[in-house]
Amino acid sequence: MALTHRLDWNQEGHDWPHRHASRFIQAGGLRWHVQCMGEGPPILLVHGTGSASHSWRDLMPRLARHFTVIVPDLPGHGFSSPPARFSGFGLPGMATALAALLRQMGYAPALVAGHSAGAAVLARMCLDGHIAPRALVSINGVMLPLPTTVNILFSASARFLSMIPFVSHYVAWRAMDPHALEILLQGTGSQVDQRGMDLYGRLVRNPGHLDGTLNMMVNWDLHPLGRDLARLSTPLVQVIGSNDRTVLPSELRRVKTVLPQARLVTLPGLGHLAHEERPDLVEALLLEQFSPCS
């Protein structure tokens, strides 16, 4: 595992969103950065590959009026330390580590929401009995393997890049170009505000965060989850941004063939980062899971 410079809380984190809500907790062999805000039933929000807690910055205070909101940086992402072994970047490793964090904090989430790969982590946790929430809300989540040719190309490319010395330093250097970052975010199909641009730029310019992203990509295998998904008993709500260019909406709808009871909610005109574009819509969907009729 490459030893690269990681984000420094006193430098890159000096104005991190909701810094006052941040804690650093030792659990599962990792040093976690996690944010907690509000009072009420615990709700756990899990970001996707390459992101961090900032992704929920506008949704957190809305939900904090109703819930105790728990938002960690996944291992190797943001300000959380990377696992000691590569296997810790895989789906089972992420799920087990996050379960250890929740035990350490004393929380049993009543509701969980995950973005992109974060939804798969939460599904794995539900299937393995780590958590038993009232519902799992997947925001442009990926829970089934991509088509074989795409999956092979994706995995091979990530593995190849992760093995090249200093590749994360090169990518971080390239990310110094604001135009490159703009193109990267445009590829999500979402309109990201300037604050979001600045925070994503901070992440992609950091070699340690990029190492965590590449290592997660290398170890990501959705085939076991795909085989187990049919026995998911937790009610699943799939939120689909119709303009998602990262994961096509048609790919997300495939889950319906495995879990016919899963609910689909399409958000017209929104992209992969729908929860950042319209936190009000996502808040309403999450609150709906606690309504008497849900």
C-alpha atoms as a PDB file:
ATOM      1  CA  MET A   1       0.000   0.000   0.000  1.00  0.00           C
ATOM      2  CA  ALA A   2       1.414   3.349  -1.021  1.00  0.00           C
ATOM      3  CA  LEU A   3       2.423   5.672   1.758  1.00  0.00           C
ATOM      4  CA  THR A   4       1.247   9.053   0.539  1.00  0.00           C
ATOM      5  CA  HIS A   5       0.416  12.381   2.072  1.00  0.00           C
ATOM      6  CA  ARG A   6      -3.096  12.373   3.494  1.00  0.00           C
ATOM      7  CA  LEU A   7      -5.446  15.238   4.139  1.00  0.00           C
ATOM      8  CA  ASP A   8      -4.499  17.225   7.217  1.00  0.00           C
ATOM      9  CA  TRP A   9      -7.378  18.259   9.484  1.00  0.00           C
ATOM     10  CA  ASN A  10      -5.659  21.478  10.501  1.00  0.00           C
ATOM     11  CA  GLN A  11      -4.957  22.476   6.905  1.00  0.00           C
ATOM     12  CA  GLU A  12      -7.387  21.006   4.371  1.00  0.00           C
ATOM     13  CA  GLY A  13      -9.982  20.588   7.127  1.00  0.00           C
ATOM     14  CA  HIS A  14      -9.753  24.075   8.619  1.00  0.00           C
ATOM     15  CA  ASP A  15     -13.077  25.125   7.049  1.00  0.00           C
ATOM     16  CA  TRP A  16     -14.602  21.702   6.411  1.00  0.00           C
ATOM     17  CA  PRO A  17     -18.422  21.784   6.346  1.00  0.00           C
ATOM     18  CA  HIS A  18     -19.859  21.331   9.845  1.00  0.00           C
ATOM     19  CA  ARG A  19     -16.393  21.087  11.366  1.00  0.00           C
ATOM     20  CA  HIS A  20     -17.953  21.620  14.792  1.00  0.00           C
ATOM     21  CA  ALA A  21     -19.797  18.298  14.398  1.00  0.00           C
ATOM     22  CA  SER A  22     -16.638  16.300  13.607  1.00  0.00           C
ATOM     23  CA  ARG A  23     -15.119  13.612  15.793  1.00  0.00           C
ATOM     24  CA  PHE A  24     -12.140  11.300  15.373  1.00  0.00           C
ATOM     25  CA  ILE A  25     -12.838   7.805  16.681  1.00  0.00           C
ATOM     26  CA  GLN A  26     -10.721   4.639  16.851  1.00  0.00           C
ATOM     27  CA  ALA A  27     -12.760   1.582  15.821  1.00  0.00           C
ATOM     28  CA  GLY A  28     -12.115  -1.578  13.850  1.00  0.00           C
ATOM     29  CA  GLY A  29      -8.410  -0.827  13.596  1.00  0.00           C
ATOM     30  CA  LEU A  30      -9.048   2.512  11.893  1.00  0.00           C
ATOM     31  CA  ARG A  31      -9.058   6.162  12.847  1.00  0.00           C
ATOM     32  CA  TRP A  32     -12.380   7.471  11.583  1.00  0.00           C
ATOM     33  CA  HIS A  33     -13.510  10.966  10.798  1.00  0.00           C
ATOM     34  CA  VAL A  34     -17.233  11.052  11.529  1.00  0.00           C
ATOM     35  CA  GLN A  35     -19.726  13.874  11.922  1.00  0.00           C
ATOM     36  CA  CYS A  36     -22.745  13.776  14.247  1.00  0.00           C
ATOM     37  CA  MET A  37     -25.530  16.324  14.370  1.00  0.00           C
ATOM     38  CA  GLY A  38     -29.064  16.666  15.752  1.00  0.00           C
ATOM     39  CA  GLU A  39     -31.307  14.607  18.022  1.00  0.00           C
ATOM     40  CA  GLY A  40     -33.829  11.845  17.471  1.00  0.00           C
ATOM     41  CA  PRO A  41     -33.707   8.422  15.785  1.00  0.00           C
ATOM     42  CA  PRO A  42     -30.225   7.705  14.359  1.00  0.00           C
ATOM     43  CA  ILE A  43     -29.839   7.994  10.589  1.00  0.00           C
ATOM     44  CA  LEU A  44     -26.631   6.881   8.869  1.00  0.00           C
ATOM     45  CA  LEU A  45     -25.511   8.524   5.594  1.00  0.00           C
ATOM     46  CA  VAL A  46     -22.733   6.828   3.590  1.00  0.00           C
ATOM     47  CA  HIS A  47     -20.974   8.517   0.666  1.00  0.00           C
ATOM     48  CA  GLY A  48     -19.679   6.800  -2.470  1.00  0.00           C
ATOM     49  CA  THR A  49     -16.266   6.025  -3.947  1.00  0.00           C
ATOM     50  CA  GLY A  50     -13.978   9.036  -4.160  1.00  0.00           C
ATOM     51  CA  SER A  51     -16.206  11.283  -2.072  1.00  0.00           C
ATOM     52  CA  ALA A  52     -16.344  12.164   1.641  1.00  0.00           C
ATOM     53  CA  SER A  53     -18.622  13.551   4.346  1.00  0.00           C
ATOM     54  CA  HIS A  54     -18.864  16.919   2.577  1.00  0.00           C
ATOM     55  CA  SER A  55     -21.233  15.322   0.054  1.00  0.00           C
ATOM     56  CA  TRP A  56     -24.018  15.501   2.666  1.00  0.00           C
ATOM     57  CA  ARG A  57     -23.233  19.066   3.781  1.00  0.00           C
ATOM     58  CA  ASP A  58     -26.587  20.605   2.808  1.00  0.00           C
ATOM     59  CA  LEU A  59     -28.728  17.591   3.709  1.00  0.00           C
ATOM     60  CA  MET A  60     -27.295  17.130   7.219  1.00  0.00           C
ATOM     61  CA  PRO A  61     -28.752  20.242   8.915  1.00  0.00           C
ATOM     62  CA  ARG A  62     -32.146  19.551   7.347  1.00  0.00           C
ATOM     63  CA  LEU A  63     -32.211  16.003   8.713  1.00  0.00           C
ATOM     64  CA  ALA A  64     -30.794  17.118  12.082  1.00  0.00           C
ATOM     65  CA  ARG A  65     -34.164  18.704  12.842  1.00  0.00           C
ATOM     66  CA  HIS A  66     -35.624  15.189  13.022  1.00  0.00           C
ATOM     67  CA  PHE A  67     -32.746  12.723  13.477  1.00  0.00           C
ATOM     68  CA  THR A  68     -29.363  12.129  15.006  1.00  0.00           C
ATOM     69  CA  VAL A  69     -27.373  12.273  11.774  1.00  0.00           C
ATOM     70  CA  ILE A  70     -24.209  10.128  11.512  1.00  0.00           C
ATOM     71  CA  VAL A  71     -21.892  10.811   8.563  1.00  0.00           C
ATOM     72  CA  PRO A  72     -18.488   9.038   8.371  1.00  0.00           C
ATOM     73  CA  ASP A  73     -15.680   9.275   5.850  1.00  0.00           C
ATOM     74  CA  LEU A  74     -15.205   5.735   4.519  1.00  0.00           C
ATOM     75  CA  PRO A  75     -11.810   4.070   5.106  1.00  0.00           C
ATOM     76  CA  GLY A  76      -9.069   5.712   3.061  1.00  0.00           C
ATOM     77  CA  HIS A  77     -11.372   8.569   2.070  1.00  0.00           C
ATOM     78  CA  GLY A  78     -11.379  12.132   3.305  1.00  0.00           C
ATOM     79  CA  PHE A  79      -9.924  12.286   6.806  1.00  0.00           C
ATOM     80  CA  SER A  80     -10.385   8.594   7.742  1.00  0.00           C
ATOM     81  CA  SER A  81      -7.304   6.376   7.770  1.00  0.00           C
ATOM     82  CA  PRO A  82      -6.896   3.565   5.207  1.00  0.00           C
ATOM     83  CA  PRO A  83      -7.199  -0.110   6.205  1.00  0.00           C
ATOM     84  CA  ALA A  84      -3.990  -1.972   6.997  1.00  0.00           C
ATOM     85  CA  ARG A  85      -4.808  -4.558   4.295  1.00  0.00           C
ATOM     86  CA  PHE A  86      -6.076  -4.168   0.745  1.00  0.00           C
ATOM     87  CA  SER A  87      -8.999  -6.460   1.538  1.00  0.00           C
ATOM     88  CA  GLY A  88     -10.272  -3.778   3.893  1.00  0.00           C
ATOM     89  CA  PHE A  89     -11.151  -1.680   0.835  1.00  0.00           C
ATOM     90  CA  GLY A  90     -13.537  -4.373  -0.452  1.00  0.00           C
ATOM     91  CA  LEU A  91     -17.261  -4.446   0.183  1.00  0.00           C
ATOM     92  CA  PRO A  92     -17.193  -6.966   3.091  1.00  0.00           C
ATOM     93  CA  GLY A  93     -14.267  -5.136   4.683  1.00  0.00           C
ATOM     94  CA  MET A  94     -15.995  -1.759   4.450  1.00  0.00           C
ATOM     95  CA  ALA A  95     -19.227  -3.186   5.883  1.00  0.00           C
ATOM     96  CA  THR A  96     -17.468  -4.877   8.806  1.00  0.00           C
ATOM     97  CA  ALA A  97     -15.392  -1.797   9.605  1.00  0.00           C
ATOM     98  CA  LEU A  98     -18.409   0.507   9.536  1.00  0.00           C
ATOM     99  CA  ALA A  99     -20.295  -1.893  11.819  1.00  0.00           C
ATOM    100  CA  ALA A 100     -17.391  -1.658  14.287  1.00  0.00           C
ATOM    101  CA  LEU A 101     -17.616   2.134  14.205  1.00  0.00           C
ATOM    102  CA  LEU A 102     -21.350   2.052  14.970  1.00  0.00           C
ATOM    103  CA  ARG A 103     -20.785  -0.320  17.888  1.00  0.00           C
ATOM    104  CA  GLN A 104     -18.062   1.927  19.257  1.00  0.00           C
ATOM    105  CA  MET A 105     -20.381   4.928  19.016  1.00  0.00           C
ATOM    106  CA  GLY A 106     -23.348   3.030  20.438  1.00  0.00           C
ATOM    107  CA  TYR A 107     -25.694   3.658  17.518  1.00  0.00           C
ATOM    108  CA  ALA A 108     -28.194   1.312  15.834  1.00  0.00           C
ATOM    109  CA  PRO A 109     -29.462   3.265  12.808  1.00  0.00           C
ATOM    110  CA  ALA A 110     -33.234   3.459  12.409  1.00  0.00           C
ATOM    111  CA  LEU A 111     -32.782   4.571   8.793  1.00  0.00           C
ATOM    112  CA  VAL A 112     -29.851   4.439   6.369  1.00  0.00           C
ATOM    113  CA  ALA A 113     -29.101   6.170   3.077  1.00  0.00           C
ATOM    114  CA  GLY A 114     -26.190   5.550   0.770  1.00  0.00           C
ATOM    115  CA  HIS A 115     -24.972   7.251  -2.372  1.00  0.00           C
ATOM    116  CA  SER A 116     -23.540   5.176  -5.227  1.00  0.00           C
ATOM    117  CA  ALA A 117     -21.155   2.576  -3.727  1.00  0.00           C
ATOM    118  CA  GLY A 118     -22.274   3.641  -0.244  1.00  0.00           C
ATOM    119  CA  ALA A 119     -25.643   2.014  -0.930  1.00  0.00           C
ATOM    120  CA  ALA A 120     -23.899  -1.310  -1.589  1.00  0.00           C
ATOM    121  CA  VAL A 121     -22.029  -1.031   1.726  1.00  0.00           C
ATOM    122  CA  LEU A 122     -25.333  -0.549   3.534  1.00  0.00           C
ATOM    123  CA  ALA A 123     -27.018  -3.438   1.702  1.00  0.00           C
ATOM    124  CA  ARG A 124     -24.126  -5.697   2.705  1.00  0.00           C
ATOM    125  CA  MET A 125     -24.451  -4.558   6.325  1.00  0.00           C
ATOM    126  CA  CYS A 126     -28.189  -5.336   6.298  1.00  0.00           C
ATOM    127  CA  LEU A 127     -27.658  -8.780   4.756  1.00  0.00           C
ATOM    128  CA  ASP A 128     -24.903  -9.642   7.245  1.00  0.00           C
ATOM    129  CA  GLY A 129     -27.001  -8.611  10.237  1.00  0.00           C
ATOM    130  CA  HIS A 130     -24.828  -5.649  11.226  1.00  0.00           C
ATOM    131  CA  ILE A 131     -27.788  -3.264  11.070  1.00  0.00           C
ATOM    132  CA  ALA A 132     -31.590  -3.576  10.933  1.00  0.00           C
ATOM    133  CA  PRO A 133     -32.927  -0.203   9.762  1.00  0.00           C
ATOM    134  CA  ARG A 134     -36.510   0.606   8.948  1.00  0.00           C
ATOM    135  CA  ALA A 135     -35.500   1.239   5.326  1.00  0.00           C
ATOM    136  CA  LEU A 136     -32.486   1.584   3.055  1.00  0.00           C
ATOM    137  CA  VAL A 137     -32.574   4.550   0.677  1.00  0.00           C
ATOM    138  CA  SER A 138     -30.216   4.129  -2.272  1.00  0.00           C
ATOM    139  CA  ILE A 139     -29.315   7.335  -4.128  1.00  0.00           C
ATOM    140  CA  ASN A 140     -28.048   6.384  -7.578  1.00  0.00           C
ATOM    141  CA  GLY A 141     -26.704   3.284  -5.861  1.00  0.00           C
ATOM    142  CA  VAL A 142     -24.939   0.385  -7.575  1.00  0.00           C
ATOM    143  CA  MET A 143     -25.750  -3.037  -6.110  1.00  0.00           C
ATOM    144  CA  LEU A 144     -25.390  -5.370  -9.089  1.00  0.00           C
ATOM    145  CA  PRO A 145     -22.257  -6.056 -11.151  1.00  0.00           C
ATOM    146  CA  LEU A 146     -21.919  -3.962 -14.270  1.00  0.00           C
ATOM    147  CA  PRO A 147     -22.079  -5.768 -17.619  1.00  0.00           C
ATOM    148  CA  THR A 148     -19.145  -8.188 -17.894  1.00  0.00           C
ATOM    149  CA  THR A 149     -17.097  -6.262 -20.463  1.00  0.00           C
ATOM    150  CA  VAL A 150     -17.494  -2.967 -18.618  1.00  0.00           C
ATOM    151  CA  ASN A 151     -16.736  -4.580 -15.261  1.00  0.00           C
ATOM    152  CA  ILE A 152     -13.564  -6.256 -16.544  1.00  0.00           C
ATOM    153  CA  LEU A 153     -12.326  -3.038 -18.135  1.00  0.00           C
ATOM    154  CA  PHE A 154     -13.150  -1.014 -14.990  1.00  0.00           C
ATOM    155  CA  SER A 155     -11.412  -3.458 -12.629  1.00  0.00           C
ATOM    156  CA  ALA A 156      -8.372  -4.002 -14.825  1.00  0.00           C
ATOM    157  CA  SER A 157      -7.852  -0.278 -15.369  1.00  0.00           C
ATOM    158  CA  ALA A 158      -8.144   0.502 -11.656  1.00  0.00           C
ATOM    159  CA  ARG A 159      -5.790  -2.340 -10.738  1.00  0.00           C
ATOM    160  CA  PHE A 160      -3.240  -1.236 -13.336  1.00  0.00           C
ATOM    161  CA  LEU A 161      -3.325   2.376 -12.178  1.00  0.00           C
ATOM    162  CA  SER A 162      -3.048   1.442  -8.513  1.00  0.00           C
ATOM    163  CA  MET A 163       0.158  -0.480  -9.191  1.00  0.00           C
ATOM    164  CA  ILE A 164       1.965   2.390 -10.916  1.00  0.00           C
ATOM    165  CA  PRO A 165       4.228   4.235  -8.462  1.00  0.00           C
ATOM    166  CA  PHE A 166       3.228   7.848  -7.882  1.00  0.00           C
ATOM    167  CA  VAL A 167       0.123   7.643 -10.098  1.00  0.00           C
ATOM    168  CA  SER A 168      -1.918   9.275  -7.347  1.00  0.00           C
ATOM    169  CA  HIS A 169       0.596  12.129  -7.219  1.00  0.00           C
ATOM    170  CA  TYR A 170       0.273  12.613 -10.980  1.00  0.00           C
ATOM    171  CA  VAL A 171      -3.525  12.611 -10.882  1.00  0.00           C
ATOM    172  CA  ALA A 172      -3.441  15.061  -7.967  1.00  0.00           C
ATOM    173  CA  TRP A 173      -1.115  17.299  -9.950  1.00  0.00           C
ATOM    174  CA  ARG A 174      -3.420  17.191 -12.984  1.00  0.00           C
ATOM    175  CA  ALA A 175      -6.352  18.086 -10.734  1.00  0.00           C
ATOM    176  CA  MET A 176      -4.704  21.427 -10.023  1.00  0.00           C
ATOM    177  CA  ASP A 177      -6.233  22.490 -13.345  1.00  0.00           C
ATOM    178  CA  PRO A 178      -9.725  23.836 -12.500  1.00  0.00           C
ATOM    179  CA  HIS A 179     -10.903  22.935 -15.990  1.00  0.00           C
ATOM    180  CA  ALA A 180     -10.017  19.261 -15.427  1.00  0.00           C
ATOM    181  CA  LEU A 181     -12.070  19.197 -12.229  1.00  0.00           C
ATOM    182  CA  GLU A 182     -14.974  20.910 -13.974  1.00  0.00           C
ATOM    183  CA  ILE A 183     -14.975  18.243 -16.692  1.00  0.00           C
ATOM    184  CA  LEU A 184     -14.845  15.505 -14.043  1.00  0.00           C
ATOM    185  CA  LEU A 185     -17.894  16.850 -12.208  1.00  0.00           C
ATOM    186  CA  GLN A 186     -19.806  17.572 -15.407  1.00  0.00           C
ATOM    187  CA  GLY A 187     -19.424  13.872 -16.167  1.00  0.00           C
ATOM    188  CA  THR A 188     -21.736  13.107 -13.243  1.00  0.00           C
ATOM    189  CA  GLY A 189     -24.645  14.881 -14.933  1.00  0.00           C
ATOM    190  CA  SER A 190     -25.038  17.081 -11.858  1.00  0.00           C
ATOM    191  CA  GLN A 191     -24.755  20.833 -11.402  1.00  0.00           C
ATOM    192  CA  VAL A 192     -22.347  21.306  -8.489  1.00  0.00           C
ATOM    193  CA  ASP A 193     -22.126  24.686  -6.761  1.00  0.00           C
ATOM    194  CA  GLN A 194     -18.835  26.515  -6.247  1.00  0.00           C
ATOM    195  CA  ARG A 195     -18.509  25.320  -2.638  1.00  0.00           C
ATOM    196  CA  GLY A 196     -18.876  21.750  -3.813  1.00  0.00           C
ATOM    197  CA  MET A 197     -16.318  22.339  -6.576  1.00  0.00           C
ATOM    198  CA  ASP A 198     -13.823  23.652  -4.037  1.00  0.00           C
ATOM    199  CA  LEU A 199     -14.295  20.682  -1.704  1.00  0.00           C
ATOM    200  CA  TYR A 200     -14.078  18.057  -4.439  1.00  0.00           C
ATOM    201  CA  GLY A 201     -10.979  19.838  -5.709  1.00  0.00           C
ATOM    202  CA  ARG A 202      -9.433  19.564  -2.255  1.00  0.00           C
ATOM    203  CA  LEU A 203     -10.026  15.804  -2.318  1.00  0.00           C
ATOM    204  CA  VAL A 204      -8.795  15.011  -5.829  1.00  0.00           C
ATOM    205  CA  ARG A 205      -5.650  17.079  -5.333  1.00  0.00           C
ATOM    206  CA  ASN A 206      -4.669  14.864  -2.391  1.00  0.00           C
ATOM    207  CA  PRO A 207      -2.625  11.716  -3.241  1.00  0.00           C
ATOM    208  CA  GLY A 208      -3.734   9.911  -0.068  1.00  0.00           C
ATOM    209  CA  HIS A 209      -7.415  10.326  -0.876  1.00  0.00           C
ATOM    210  CA  LEU A 210      -6.776   9.230  -4.469  1.00  0.00           C
ATOM    211  CA  ASP A 211      -4.966   6.122  -3.215  1.00  0.00           C
ATOM    212  CA  GLY A 212      -8.025   5.269  -1.134  1.00  0.00           C
ATOM    213  CA  THR A 213     -10.277   5.734  -4.165  1.00  0.00           C
ATOM    214  CA  LEU A 214      -8.145   3.547  -6.445  1.00  0.00           C
ATOM    215  CA  ASN A 215      -7.741   0.820  -3.823  1.00  0.00           C
ATOM    216  CA  MET A 216     -11.501   0.726  -3.280  1.00  0.00           C
ATOM    217  CA  MET A 217     -12.055   0.399  -7.040  1.00  0.00           C
ATOM    218  CA  VAL A 218      -9.527  -2.437  -7.280  1.00  0.00           C
ATOM    219  CA  ASN A 219     -11.174  -4.424  -4.492  1.00  0.00           C
ATOM    220  CA  TRP A 220     -14.806  -3.757  -5.430  1.00  0.00           C
ATOM    221  CA  ASP A 221     -16.625  -6.974  -6.334  1.00  0.00           C
ATOM    222  CA  LEU A 222     -20.424  -6.834  -6.476  1.00  0.00           C
ATOM    223  CA  HIS A 223     -20.971 -10.447  -7.553  1.00  0.00           C
ATOM    224  CA  PRO A 224     -21.485 -11.814  -3.992  1.00  0.00           C
ATOM    225  CA  LEU A 225     -23.898  -8.969  -3.218  1.00  0.00           C
ATOM    226  CA  GLY A 226     -25.728  -9.628  -6.484  1.00  0.00           C
ATOM    227  CA  ARG A 227     -26.182 -13.279  -5.507  1.00  0.00           C
ATOM    228  CA  ASP A 228     -27.444 -12.372  -2.021  1.00  0.00           C
ATOM    229  CA  LEU A 229     -29.611  -9.374  -2.848  1.00  0.00           C
ATOM    230  CA  ALA A 230     -32.808 -11.395  -3.355  1.00  0.00           C
ATOM    231  CA  ARG A 231     -32.880 -12.184   0.376  1.00  0.00           C
ATOM    232  CA  LEU A 232     -32.637  -8.533   1.445  1.00  0.00           C
ATOM    233  CA  SER A 233     -35.535  -8.082   3.870  1.00  0.00           C
ATOM    234  CA  THR A 234     -34.924  -4.386   4.547  1.00  0.00           C
ATOM    235  CA  PRO A 235     -37.330  -2.249   2.473  1.00  0.00           C
ATOM    236  CA  LEU A 236     -35.342  -0.678  -0.367  1.00  0.00           C
ATOM    237  CA  VAL A 237     -36.081   2.701  -1.948  1.00  0.00           C
ATOM    238  CA  GLN A 238     -34.060   3.382  -5.096  1.00  0.00           C
ATOM    239  CA  VAL A 239     -33.679   7.071  -5.929  1.00  0.00           C
ATOM    240  CA  ILE A 240     -32.668   7.571  -9.553  1.00  0.00           C
ATOM    241  CA  GLY A 241     -31.427  10.843 -11.048  1.00  0.00           C
ATOM    242  CA  SER A 242     -32.698  10.831 -14.619  1.00  0.00           C
ATOM    243  CA  ASN A 243     -29.622  12.748 -15.812  1.00  0.00           C
ATOM    244  CA  ASP A 244     -27.061  10.468 -14.132  1.00  0.00           C
ATOM    245  CA  ARG A 245     -24.142  10.037 -16.541  1.00  0.00           C
ATOM    246  CA  THR A 246     -21.982   8.063 -14.117  1.00  0.00           C
ATOM    247  CA  VAL A 247     -24.384   5.148 -13.630  1.00  0.00           C
ATOM    248  CA  LEU A 248     -27.122   4.913 -16.237  1.00  0.00           C
ATOM    249  CA  PRO A 249     -30.664   4.802 -14.785  1.00  0.00           C
ATOM    250  CA  SER A 250     -31.256   1.596 -16.765  1.00  0.00           C
ATOM    251  CA  GLU A 251     -28.521  -0.106 -14.738  1.00  0.00           C
ATOM    252  CA  LEU A 252     -30.169   0.914 -11.473  1.00  0.00           C
ATOM    253  CA  ARG A 253     -33.531  -0.421 -12.581  1.00  0.00           C
ATOM    254  CA  ARG A 254     -32.019  -3.901 -12.932  1.00  0.00           C
ATOM    255  CA  VAL A 255     -32.338  -4.266  -9.152  1.00  0.00           C
ATOM    256  CA  LYS A 256     -36.095  -4.411  -9.665  1.00  0.00           C
ATOM    257  CA  THR A 257     -35.658  -7.782 -11.407  1.00  0.00           C
ATOM    258  CA  VAL A 258     -34.014  -9.164  -8.271  1.00  0.00           C
ATOM    259  CA  LEU A 259     -36.149  -7.310  -5.730  1.00  0.00           C
ATOM    260  CA  PRO A 260     -39.573  -6.732  -7.292  1.00  0.00           C
ATOM    261  CA  GLN A 261     -40.778  -5.130  -4.061  1.00  0.00           C
ATOM    262  CA  ALA A 262     -38.140  -2.385  -4.232  1.00  0.00           C
ATOM    263  CA  ARG A 263     -39.572   1.077  -4.765  1.00  0.00           C
ATOM    264  CA  LEU A 264     -38.253   3.280  -7.576  1.00  0.00           C
ATOM    265  CA  VAL A 265     -38.294   7.080  -7.335  1.00  0.00           C
ATOM    266  CA  THR A 266     -37.045   9.089 -10.315  1.00  0.00           C
ATOM    267  CA  LEU A 267     -35.818  12.660  -9.834  1.00  0.00           C
ATOM    268  CA  PRO A 268     -36.139  14.366 -13.240  1.00  0.00           C
ATOM    269  CA  GLY A 269     -33.208  16.451 -14.424  1.00  0.00           C
ATOM    270  CA  LEU A 270     -30.862  15.498 -11.581  1.00  0.00           C
ATOM    271  CA  GLY A 271     -27.549  13.707 -11.970  1.00  0.00           C
ATOM    272  CA  HIS A 272     -25.368  11.340  -9.990  1.00  0.00           C
ATOM    273  CA  LEU A 273     -25.030  13.858  -7.151  1.00  0.00           C
ATOM    274  CA  ALA A 274     -28.784  14.380  -6.840  1.00  0.00           C
ATOM    275  CA  HIS A 275     -28.615  14.707  -3.040  1.00  0.00           C
ATOM    276  CA  GLU A 276     -26.255  17.669  -3.431  1.00  0.00           C
ATOM    277  CA  GLU A 277     -28.366  19.338  -6.111  1.00  0.00           C
ATOM    278  CA  ARG A 278     -31.733  18.996  -4.337  1.00  0.00           C
ATOM    279  CA  PRO A 279     -31.258  18.101  -0.663  1.00  0.00           C
ATOM    280  CA  ASP A 280     -34.858  19.174  -0.035  1.00  0.00           C
ATOM    281  CA  LEU A 281     -36.218  16.383  -2.249  1.00  0.00           C
ATOM    282  CA  VAL A 282     -34.014  13.763  -0.613  1.00  0.00           C
ATOM    283  CA  GLU A 283     -34.985  15.035   2.842  1.00  0.00           C
ATOM    284  CA  ALA A 284     -38.658  14.587   1.965  1.00  0.00           C
ATOM    285  CA  LEU A 285     -38.045  11.025   0.760  1.00  0.00           C
ATOM    286  CA  LEU A 286     -36.214  10.119   3.962  1.00  0.00           C
ATOM    287  CA  LEU A 287     -38.878  11.658   6.186  1.00  0.00           C
ATOM    288  CA  GLU A 288     -41.481   9.711   4.255  1.00  0.00           C
ATOM    289  CA  GLN A 289     -39.953   6.467   5.550  1.00  0.00           C
ATOM    290  CA  PHE A 290     -41.067   7.500   9.048  1.00  0.00           C
ATOM    291  CA  SER A 291     -44.578   8.482   8.089  1.00  0.00           C
ATOM    292  CA  PRO A 292     -47.448   6.330   9.455  1.00  0.00           C
ATOM    293  CA  CYS A 293     -48.245   5.076   5.939  1.00  0.00           C
ATOM    294  CA  SER A 294     -44.712   4.027   5.011  1.00  0.00           C
END
